[in-house]
């Protein structure tokens, strides 16, 4: 499988915006559940958002609803995470992950558990200062 490759992480002030990208050539068909996770130092990896590559079904963690938007460009085979109104608690390493999952209805629940995803990128660092 082609690797997942994240980019776009940076250091920003609170209230700022960033767009993360995940190159996902191997998962841009209609049978993949793709997700963004994040991990702060000393904390468990937590799910941020999911997107199903088939019907585009989306889900978000409560902590990011209304501020983050996940999307995909199926031509470029890239998944994005547009983050606005960033807060210091959004800081961490952001990872994209993918798993084969024909049934899109299960993608959101899977996105709450990092152990459900066998395929991961190397991560991109987001730092939000107050």
Protein backbone atom coordinates (compact mmCIF):
# COMPACT_ATOMS: atom_id res chain seq x y z
CA UNK A 1 0.00 0.00 0.00
CA UNK A 2 1.18 3.52 -0.74
CA UNK A 3 1.96 5.35 2.50
CA UNK A 4 -0.13 8.07 4.08
CA UNK A 5 1.77 11.36 4.15
CA UNK A 6 0.65 14.32 6.24
CA UNK A 7 1.74 17.93 5.84
CA UNK A 8 0.66 21.42 6.81
CA UNK A 9 1.44 21.49 10.50
CA UNK A 10 2.82 24.73 11.90
CA UNK A 11 2.96 27.03 14.92
CA UNK A 12 0.12 29.56 15.10
CA UNK A 13 -1.49 31.94 17.54
CA UNK A 14 -4.79 31.10 19.20
CA UNK A 15 -7.64 32.00 16.90
CA UNK A 16 -5.61 31.22 13.81
CA UNK A 17 -6.19 28.66 11.08
CA UNK A 18 -4.31 25.82 9.45
CA UNK A 19 -5.06 23.31 6.73
CA UNK A 20 -3.55 19.87 7.05
CA UNK A 21 -3.20 17.56 4.07
CA UNK A 22 -2.94 13.80 3.90
CA UNK A 23 -1.78 12.22 0.66
CA UNK A 24 -3.79 9.02 0.49
CA UNK A 25 -3.44 7.57 -3.00
CA UNK A 26 -4.17 4.02 -1.85
CA UNK A 27 -7.39 4.99 -0.05
CA UNK A 28 -9.22 7.21 -2.50
CA UNK A 29 -11.46 4.49 -3.82
CA UNK A 30 -14.97 4.02 -2.41
CA UNK A 31 -14.16 1.51 0.30
CA UNK A 32 -12.04 3.31 2.85
CA UNK A 33 -12.67 4.94 6.20
CA UNK A 34 -10.16 7.72 6.68
CA UNK A 35 -9.55 9.63 9.87
CA UNK A 36 -7.59 12.37 11.55
CA UNK A 37 -6.24 11.70 15.03
CA UNK A 38 -4.13 13.87 17.30
CA UNK A 39 -1.89 13.21 20.24
CA UNK A 40 -0.57 15.68 22.78
CA UNK A 41 2.45 14.81 24.95
CA UNK A 42 1.47 12.49 27.77
CA UNK A 43 -2.03 11.94 26.40
CA UNK A 44 -3.70 9.19 24.44
CA UNK A 45 -4.23 9.50 20.73
CA UNK A 46 -7.74 10.87 20.15
CA UNK A 47 -9.96 10.86 17.13
CA UNK A 48 -10.68 14.24 15.57
CA UNK A 49 -12.66 13.54 12.41
CA UNK A 50 -13.55 10.82 9.95
CA UNK A 51 -14.44 10.74 6.28
CA UNK A 52 -15.63 7.78 4.23
CA UNK A 53 -14.12 7.78 0.74
CA UNK A 54 -17.29 6.33 -0.78
CA UNK A 55 -20.25 8.49 0.19
CA UNK A 56 -18.24 11.22 1.92
CA UNK A 57 -19.91 10.63 5.28
CA UNK A 58 -18.30 12.80 7.95
CA UNK A 59 -18.02 12.79 11.71
CA UNK A 60 -16.27 15.01 14.24
CA UNK A 61 -15.19 14.92 17.85
CA UNK A 62 -17.32 17.24 19.98
CA UNK A 63 -14.24 19.31 20.82
CA UNK A 64 -13.75 20.37 17.18
CA UNK A 65 -17.32 20.59 15.84
CA UNK A 66 -17.95 23.93 14.20
CA UNK A 67 -14.23 24.68 13.94
CA UNK A 68 -12.72 21.85 11.88
CA UNK A 69 -13.83 20.58 8.49
CA UNK A 70 -12.60 17.38 6.89
CA UNK A 71 -12.81 16.96 3.12
CA UNK A 72 -11.32 15.04 0.25
CA UNK A 73 -10.11 15.77 -3.25
CA UNK A 74 -10.61 12.49 -5.07
CA UNK A 75 -8.76 13.69 -8.15
CA UNK A 76 -5.64 14.65 -6.20
CA UNK A 77 -6.23 11.78 -3.75
CA UNK A 78 -5.75 14.04 -0.75
CA UNK A 79 -7.72 14.34 2.48
CA UNK A 80 -7.74 17.72 4.16
CA UNK A 81 -8.42 18.99 7.65
CA UNK A 82 -9.28 22.69 7.69
CA UNK A 83 -8.85 23.97 11.22
CA UNK A 84 -10.13 27.39 12.30
CA UNK A 85 -10.39 29.24 15.62
CA UNK A 86 -7.50 27.15 16.90
CA UNK A 87 -7.01 26.84 20.65
CA UNK A 88 -3.94 25.88 22.68
CA UNK A 89 -5.63 22.59 23.54
CA UNK A 90 -5.63 21.74 19.81
CA UNK A 91 -1.84 21.43 19.94
CA UNK A 92 -0.34 18.05 19.22
CA UNK A 93 0.88 15.69 16.56
CA UNK A 94 -1.81 15.15 13.95
CA UNK A 95 -2.00 11.84 12.13
CA UNK A 96 -4.09 10.58 9.29
CA UNK A 97 -5.16 6.97 9.31
CA UNK A 98 -7.08 4.65 7.03
CA UNK A 99 -8.78 1.28 7.04
CA UNK A 100 -10.71 -0.65 4.40
CA UNK A 101 -14.38 -0.38 5.31
CA UNK A 102 -17.07 -0.73 2.64
CA UNK A 103 -19.87 0.20 5.08
CA UNK A 104 -19.67 3.94 5.64
CA UNK A 105 -22.00 3.90 8.64
CA UNK A 106 -19.30 2.26 10.76
CA UNK A 107 -16.64 4.84 9.92
CA UNK A 108 -17.61 7.44 12.51
CA UNK A 109 -17.65 5.02 15.45
CA UNK A 110 -14.33 3.51 14.31
CA UNK A 111 -12.81 6.98 14.35
CA UNK A 112 -13.01 7.02 18.13
CA UNK A 113 -10.54 4.14 18.44
CA UNK A 114 -6.99 4.45 17.13
CA UNK A 115 -6.57 0.68 17.37
CA UNK A 116 -9.14 0.22 14.59
CA UNK A 117 -6.78 1.68 12.00
CA UNK A 118 -3.87 -0.39 10.68
CA UNK A 119 -2.47 2.28 8.38
CA UNK A 120 -0.93 5.53 9.62
CA UNK A 121 1.09 8.46 8.42
CA UNK A 122 4.13 9.83 10.20
CA UNK A 123 2.29 12.85 11.64
CA UNK A 124 2.53 16.61 11.38
CA UNK A 125 2.98 18.91 14.38
CA UNK A 126 0.48 21.62 15.26
CA UNK A 127 1.35 24.10 18.00
CA UNK A 128 -1.12 26.76 19.10
CA UNK A 129 0.13 29.43 21.45
CA UNK A 130 -2.07 31.66 23.60
